[in-house]
């Protein structure tokens, strides 16, 4: 995983699974912006454990 990747964040609380653009990768979390779901456009810092999958370039393009 690296800056610029799109990842899938698992559902938590009342927020469904969603796509997230990674700005930075830290020791225990990433920073960036939600791309889908109710938090779309919002900045966030999800823990690495919340990431279900790193999308490949072709997968990420399909969602844009």
PDB file of N, CA and C in Angstrom:
ATOM      1  N   UNK A   1       0.852  -1.166   0.000  1.00  0.00           N
ATOM      2  CA  UNK A   1       0.000   0.000   0.000  1.00  0.00           C
ATOM      3  C   UNK A   1       0.901   1.232   0.000  1.00  0.00           C
ATOM      4  N   UNK A   2       0.464   2.236  -0.797  1.00  0.00           N
ATOM      5  CA  UNK A   2       1.254   3.455  -0.912  1.00  0.00           C
ATOM      6  C   UNK A   2       0.328   4.646  -1.144  1.00  0.00           C
ATOM      7  N   UNK A   3       0.847   5.859  -0.936  1.00  0.00           N
ATOM      8  CA  UNK A   3       0.028   7.045  -1.216  1.00  0.00           C
ATOM      9  C   UNK A   3      -0.510   7.002  -2.651  1.00  0.00           C
ATOM     10  N   UNK A   4      -1.764   7.373  -2.791  1.00  0.00           N
ATOM     11  CA  UNK A   4      -2.419   7.353  -4.097  1.00  0.00           C
ATOM     12  C   UNK A   4      -3.248   6.113  -4.342  1.00  0.00           C
ATOM     13  N   UNK A   5      -3.052   5.076  -3.525  1.00  0.00           N
ATOM     14  CA  UNK A   5      -3.853   3.856  -3.669  1.00  0.00           C
ATOM     15  C   UNK A   5      -5.290   4.105  -3.216  1.00  0.00           C
ATOM     16  N   UNK A   6      -6.187   3.288  -3.727  1.00  0.00           N
ATOM     17  CA  UNK A   6      -7.570   3.265  -3.261  1.00  0.00           C
ATOM     18  C   UNK A   6      -7.765   1.939  -2.535  1.00  0.00           C
ATOM     19  N   UNK A   7      -8.314   2.017  -1.324  1.00  0.00           N
ATOM     20  CA  UNK A   7      -8.521   0.819  -0.507  1.00  0.00           C
ATOM     21  C   UNK A   7      -9.995   0.706  -0.146  1.00  0.00           C
ATOM     22  N   UNK A   8     -10.372  -0.488   0.277  1.00  0.00           N
ATOM     23  CA  UNK A   8     -11.735  -0.730   0.776  1.00  0.00           C
ATOM     24  C   UNK A   8     -11.651  -0.763   2.296  1.00  0.00           C
ATOM     25  N   UNK A   9     -12.439   0.096   2.933  1.00  0.00           N
ATOM     26  CA  UNK A   9     -12.526   0.134   4.392  1.00  0.00           C
ATOM     27  C   UNK A   9     -13.761  -0.671   4.799  1.00  0.00           C
ATOM     28  N   UNK A  10     -13.585  -1.582   5.740  1.00  0.00           N
ATOM     29  CA  UNK A  10     -14.695  -2.400   6.210  1.00  0.00           C
ATOM     30  C   UNK A  10     -15.731  -1.587   6.966  1.00  0.00           C
ATOM     31  N   UNK A  11     -16.931  -2.117   7.031  1.00  0.00           N
ATOM     32  CA  UNK A  11     -18.029  -1.460   7.750  1.00  0.00           C
ATOM     33  C   UNK A  11     -17.691  -1.336   9.229  1.00  0.00           C
ATOM     34  N   UNK A  12     -18.128  -0.227   9.821  1.00  0.00           N
ATOM     35  CA  UNK A  12     -17.970  -0.017  11.258  1.00  0.00           C
ATOM     36  C   UNK A  12     -19.121   0.855  11.748  1.00  0.00           C
ATOM     37  N   UNK A  13     -19.463   0.705  13.008  1.00  0.00           N
ATOM     38  CA  UNK A  13     -20.591   1.429  13.594  1.00  0.00           C
ATOM     39  C   UNK A  13     -21.760   1.376  12.604  1.00  0.00           C
ATOM     40  N   UNK A  14     -22.222   2.494  12.125  1.00  0.00           N
ATOM     41  CA  UNK A  14     -23.333   2.513  11.165  1.00  0.00           C
ATOM     42  C   UNK A  14     -22.860   2.928   9.779  1.00  0.00           C
ATOM     43  N   UNK A  15     -21.557   2.859   9.553  1.00  0.00           N
ATOM     44  CA  UNK A  15     -20.971   3.243   8.267  1.00  0.00           C
ATOM     45  C   UNK A  15     -20.704   1.979   7.460  1.00  0.00           C
ATOM     46  N   UNK A  16     -21.263   1.887   6.246  1.00  0.00           N
ATOM     47  CA  UNK A  16     -21.039   0.685   5.435  1.00  0.00           C
ATOM     48  C   UNK A  16     -19.629   0.650   4.849  1.00  0.00           C
ATOM     49  N   UNK A  17     -19.263  -0.498   4.336  1.00  0.00           N
ATOM     50  CA  UNK A  17     -18.000  -0.657   3.611  1.00  0.00           C
ATOM     51  C   UNK A  17     -17.909   0.436   2.546  1.00  0.00           C
ATOM     52  N   UNK A  18     -16.716   1.011   2.386  1.00  0.00           N
ATOM     53  CA  UNK A  18     -16.567   2.093   1.410  1.00  0.00           C
ATOM     54  C   UNK A  18     -15.134   2.180   0.890  1.00  0.00           C
ATOM     55  N   UNK A  19     -14.985   2.925  -0.202  1.00  0.00           N
ATOM     56  CA  UNK A  19     -13.672   3.145  -0.804  1.00  0.00           C
ATOM     57  C   UNK A  19     -13.034   4.375  -0.196  1.00  0.00           C
ATOM     58  N   UNK A  20     -11.684   4.348  -0.109  1.00  0.00           N
ATOM     59  CA  UNK A  20     -10.933   5.406   0.564  1.00  0.00           C
ATOM     60  C   UNK A  20      -9.652   5.655  -0.210  1.00  0.00           C
ATOM     61  N   UNK A  21      -9.350   6.930  -0.516  1.00  0.00           N
ATOM     62  CA  UNK A  21      -8.112   7.308  -1.209  1.00  0.00           C
ATOM     63  C   UNK A  21      -7.044   7.576  -0.161  1.00  0.00           C
ATOM     64  N   UNK A  22      -5.892   6.922  -0.297  1.00  0.00           N
ATOM     65  CA  UNK A  22      -4.813   7.013   0.683  1.00  0.00           C
ATOM     66  C   UNK A  22      -3.887   8.189   0.350  1.00  0.00           C
ATOM     67  N   UNK A  23      -3.760   9.106   1.309  1.00  0.00           N
ATOM     68  CA  UNK A  23      -2.836  10.231   1.158  1.00  0.00           C
ATOM     69  C   UNK A  23      -1.467   9.887   1.739  1.00  0.00           C
ATOM     70  N   UNK A  24      -1.456   9.350   2.979  1.00  0.00           N
ATOM     71  CA  UNK A  24      -0.200   8.919   3.610  1.00  0.00           C
ATOM     72  C   UNK A  24      -0.417   7.570   4.284  1.00  0.00           C
ATOM     73  N   UNK A  25       0.675   6.827   4.444  1.00  0.00           N
ATOM     74  CA  UNK A  25       0.655   5.554   5.162  1.00  0.00           C
ATOM     75  C   UNK A  25       1.528   5.731   6.400  1.00  0.00           C
ATOM     76  N   UNK A  26       0.927   5.599   7.565  1.00  0.00           N
ATOM     77  CA  UNK A  26       1.622   5.741   8.839  1.00  0.00           C
ATOM     78  C   UNK A  26       1.836   4.356   9.446  1.00  0.00           C
ATOM     79  N   UNK A  27       2.443   4.305  10.636  1.00  0.00           N
ATOM     80  CA  UNK A  27       2.729   3.018  11.283  1.00  0.00           C
ATOM     81  C   UNK A  27       1.477   2.187  11.548  1.00  0.00           C
ATOM     82  N   UNK A  28       0.407   2.822  12.015  1.00  0.00           N
ATOM     83  CA  UNK A  28      -0.783   2.076  12.410  1.00  0.00           C
ATOM     84  C   UNK A  28      -2.070   2.538  11.732  1.00  0.00           C
ATOM     85  N   UNK A  29      -1.977   3.513  10.816  1.00  0.00           N
ATOM     86  CA  UNK A  29      -3.168   4.021  10.132  1.00  0.00           C
ATOM     87  C   UNK A  29      -2.780   4.667   8.808  1.00  0.00           C
ATOM     88  N   UNK A  30      -3.791   4.990   8.030  1.00  0.00           N
ATOM     89  CA  UNK A  30      -3.587   5.763   6.806  1.00  0.00           C
ATOM     90  C   UNK A  30      -4.371   7.068   6.950  1.00  0.00           C
ATOM     91  N   UNK A  31      -4.001   8.061   6.168  1.00  0.00           N
ATOM     92  CA  UNK A  31      -4.781   9.285   6.111  1.00  0.00           C
ATOM     93  C   UNK A  31      -5.293   9.442   4.692  1.00  0.00           C
ATOM     94  N   UNK A  32      -6.379  10.174   4.539  1.00  0.00           N
ATOM     95  CA  UNK A  32      -6.910  10.385   3.203  1.00  0.00           C
ATOM     96  C   UNK A  32      -8.366  10.774   3.229  1.00  0.00           C
ATOM     97  N   UNK A  33      -9.060  10.466   2.137  1.00  0.00           N
ATOM     98  CA  UNK A  33     -10.429  10.923   1.937  1.00  0.00           C
ATOM     99  C   UNK A  33     -11.320   9.762   1.500  1.00  0.00           C
ATOM    100  N   UNK A  34     -12.494   9.671   2.105  1.00  0.00           N
ATOM    101  CA  UNK A  34     -13.485   8.671   1.698  1.00  0.00           C
ATOM    102  C   UNK A  34     -14.002   9.022   0.308  1.00  0.00           C
ATOM    103  N   UNK A  35     -14.085   8.023  -0.551  1.00  0.00           N
ATOM    104  CA  UNK A  35     -14.553   8.227  -1.926  1.00  0.00           C
ATOM    105  C   UNK A  35     -15.997   7.825  -2.142  1.00  0.00           C
ATOM    106  N   UNK A  36     -16.539   7.021  -1.244  1.00  0.00           N
ATOM    107  CA  UNK A  36     -17.914   6.542  -1.413  1.00  0.00           C
ATOM    108  C   UNK A  36     -18.580   6.439  -0.051  1.00  0.00           C
ATOM    109  N   UNK A  37     -19.870   6.144  -0.078  1.00  0.00           N
ATOM    110  CA  UNK A  37     -20.620   5.978   1.165  1.00  0.00           C
ATOM    111  C   UNK A  37     -20.988   7.306   1.797  1.00  0.00           C
ATOM    112  N   UNK A  38     -21.548   7.258   3.005  1.00  0.00           N
ATOM    113  CA  UNK A  38     -22.044   8.469   3.651  1.00  0.00           C
ATOM    114  C   UNK A  38     -20.933   9.447   4.046  1.00  0.00           C
ATOM    115  N   UNK A  39     -19.700   8.978   4.099  1.00  0.00           N
ATOM    116  CA  UNK A  39     -18.580   9.851   4.460  1.00  0.00           C
ATOM    117  C   UNK A  39     -17.837  10.376   3.233  1.00  0.00           C
ATOM    118  N   UNK A  40     -18.352  10.157   2.042  1.00  0.00           N
ATOM    119  CA  UNK A  40     -17.678  10.589   0.812  1.00  0.00           C
ATOM    120  C   UNK A  40     -17.275  12.053   0.911  1.00  0.00           C
ATOM    121  N   UNK A  41     -16.009  12.309   0.593  1.00  0.00           N
ATOM    122  CA  UNK A  41     -15.473  13.658   0.631  1.00  0.00           C
ATOM    123  C   UNK A  41     -14.897  14.064   1.972  1.00  0.00           C
ATOM    124  N   UNK A  42     -15.071  13.211   2.989  1.00  0.00           N
ATOM    125  CA  UNK A  42     -14.589  13.522   4.329  1.00  0.00           C
ATOM    126  C   UNK A  42     -13.183  12.979   4.541  1.00  0.00           C
ATOM    127  N   UNK A  43     -12.348  13.766   5.209  1.00  0.00           N
ATOM    128  CA  UNK A  43     -11.003  13.349   5.612  1.00  0.00           C
ATOM    129  C   UNK A  43     -11.121  12.310   6.718  1.00  0.00           C
ATOM    130  N   UNK A  44     -10.205  11.343   6.739  1.00  0.00           N
ATOM    131  CA  UNK A  44     -10.214  10.341   7.787  1.00  0.00           C
ATOM    132  C   UNK A  44      -8.844   9.766   8.041  1.00  0.00           C
ATOM    133  N   UNK A  45      -8.726   9.037   9.146  1.00  0.00           N
ATOM    134  CA  UNK A  45      -7.490   8.363   9.548  1.00  0.00           C
ATOM    135  C   UNK A  45      -7.803   6.949  10.038  1.00  0.00           C
ATOM    136  N   UNK A  46      -8.276   6.072   9.137  1.00  0.00           N
ATOM    137  CA  UNK A  46      -8.627   4.713   9.584  1.00  0.00           C
ATOM    138  C   UNK A  46      -7.396   3.875   9.940  1.00  0.00           C
ATOM    139  N   UNK A  47      -7.571   3.024  10.951  1.00  0.00           N
ATOM    140  CA  UNK A  47      -6.524   2.074  11.334  1.00  0.00           C
ATOM    141  C   UNK A  47      -6.264   1.104  10.192  1.00  0.00           C
ATOM    142  N   UNK A  48      -5.038   0.626  10.102  1.00  0.00           N
ATOM    143  CA  UNK A  48      -4.687  -0.353   9.070  1.00  0.00           C
ATOM    144  C   UNK A  48      -5.558  -1.595   9.164  1.00  0.00           C
ATOM    145  N   UNK A  49      -5.978  -1.944  10.382  1.00  0.00           N
ATOM    146  CA  UNK A  49      -6.796  -3.148  10.570  1.00  0.00           C
ATOM    147  C   UNK A  49      -8.173  -3.029   9.919  1.00  0.00           C
ATOM    148  N   UNK A  50      -8.599  -1.827   9.578  1.00  0.00           N
ATOM    149  CA  UNK A  50      -9.903  -1.615   8.961  1.00  0.00           C
ATOM    150  C   UNK A  50      -9.880  -1.825   7.451  1.00  0.00           C
ATOM    151  N   UNK A  51      -8.685  -1.931   6.876  1.00  0.00           N
ATOM    152  CA  UNK A  51      -8.552  -2.068   5.426  1.00  0.00           C
ATOM    153  C   UNK A  51      -8.762  -3.527   5.034  1.00  0.00           C
ATOM    154  N   UNK A  52      -9.748  -3.735   4.183  1.00  0.00           N
ATOM    155  CA  UNK A  52     -10.084  -5.079   3.718  1.00  0.00           C
ATOM    156  C   UNK A  52      -9.265  -5.445   2.484  1.00  0.00           C
ATOM    157  N   UNK A  53      -9.043  -4.461   1.611  1.00  0.00           N
ATOM    158  CA  UNK A  53      -8.410  -4.760   0.331  1.00  0.00           C
ATOM    159  C   UNK A  53      -7.809  -3.495  -0.261  1.00  0.00           C
ATOM    160  N   UNK A  54      -6.667  -3.647  -0.917  1.00  0.00           N
ATOM    161  CA  UNK A  54      -6.095  -2.572  -1.727  1.00  0.00           C
ATOM    162  C   UNK A  54      -6.554  -2.836  -3.153  1.00  0.00           C
ATOM    163  N   UNK A  55      -7.233  -1.869  -3.751  1.00  0.00           N
ATOM    164  CA  UNK A  55      -7.737  -2.051  -5.111  1.00  0.00           C
ATOM    165  C   UNK A  55      -6.617  -1.854  -6.122  1.00  0.00           C
ATOM    166  N   UNK A  56      -6.634  -2.676  -7.152  1.00  0.00           N
ATOM    167  CA  UNK A  56      -5.709  -2.506  -8.258  1.00  0.00           C
ATOM    168  C   UNK A  56      -6.140  -1.309  -9.107  1.00  0.00           C
ATOM    169  N   UNK A  57      -5.259  -0.815  -9.968  1.00  0.00           N
ATOM    170  CA  UNK A  57      -5.584   0.349 -10.795  1.00  0.00           C
ATOM    171  C   UNK A  57      -6.845   0.157 -11.634  1.00  0.00           C
ATOM    172  N   UNK A  58      -7.045  -1.027 -12.196  1.00  0.00           N
ATOM    173  CA  UNK A  58      -8.232  -1.273 -13.015  1.00  0.00           C
ATOM    174  C   UNK A  58      -9.500  -1.244 -12.167  1.00  0.00           C
ATOM    175  N   UNK A  59      -9.450  -1.841 -10.979  1.00  0.00           N
ATOM    176  CA  UNK A  59     -10.615  -1.842 -10.080  1.00  0.00           C
ATOM    177  C   UNK A  59     -10.959  -0.410  -9.652  1.00  0.00           C
ATOM    178  N   UNK A  60      -9.948   0.358  -9.295  1.00  0.00           N
ATOM    179  CA  UNK A  60     -10.172   1.718  -8.813  1.00  0.00           C
ATOM    180  C   UNK A  60     -10.767   2.593  -9.922  1.00  0.00           C
ATOM    181  N   UNK A  61     -10.337   2.397 -11.158  1.00  0.00           N
ATOM    182  CA  UNK A  61     -10.876   3.179 -12.291  1.00  0.00           C
ATOM    183  C   UNK A  61     -12.348   2.850 -12.537  1.00  0.00           C
ATOM    184  N   UNK A  62     -12.751   1.624 -12.286  1.00  0.00           N
ATOM    185  CA  UNK A  62     -14.141   1.226 -12.508  1.00  0.00           C
ATOM    186  C   UNK A  62     -15.086   1.987 -11.578  1.00  0.00           C
ATOM    187  N   UNK A  63     -14.602   2.395 -10.418  1.00  0.00           N
ATOM    188  CA  UNK A  63     -15.443   3.085  -9.473  1.00  0.00           C
ATOM    189  C   UNK A  63     -15.496   4.581  -9.662  1.00  0.00           C
ATOM    190  N   UNK A  64     -14.722   5.116 -10.594  1.00  0.00           N
ATOM    191  CA  UNK A  64     -14.699   6.579 -10.807  1.00  0.00           C
ATOM    192  C   UNK A  64     -15.503   6.962 -12.016  1.00  0.00           C
TER     193      UNK A  64
END
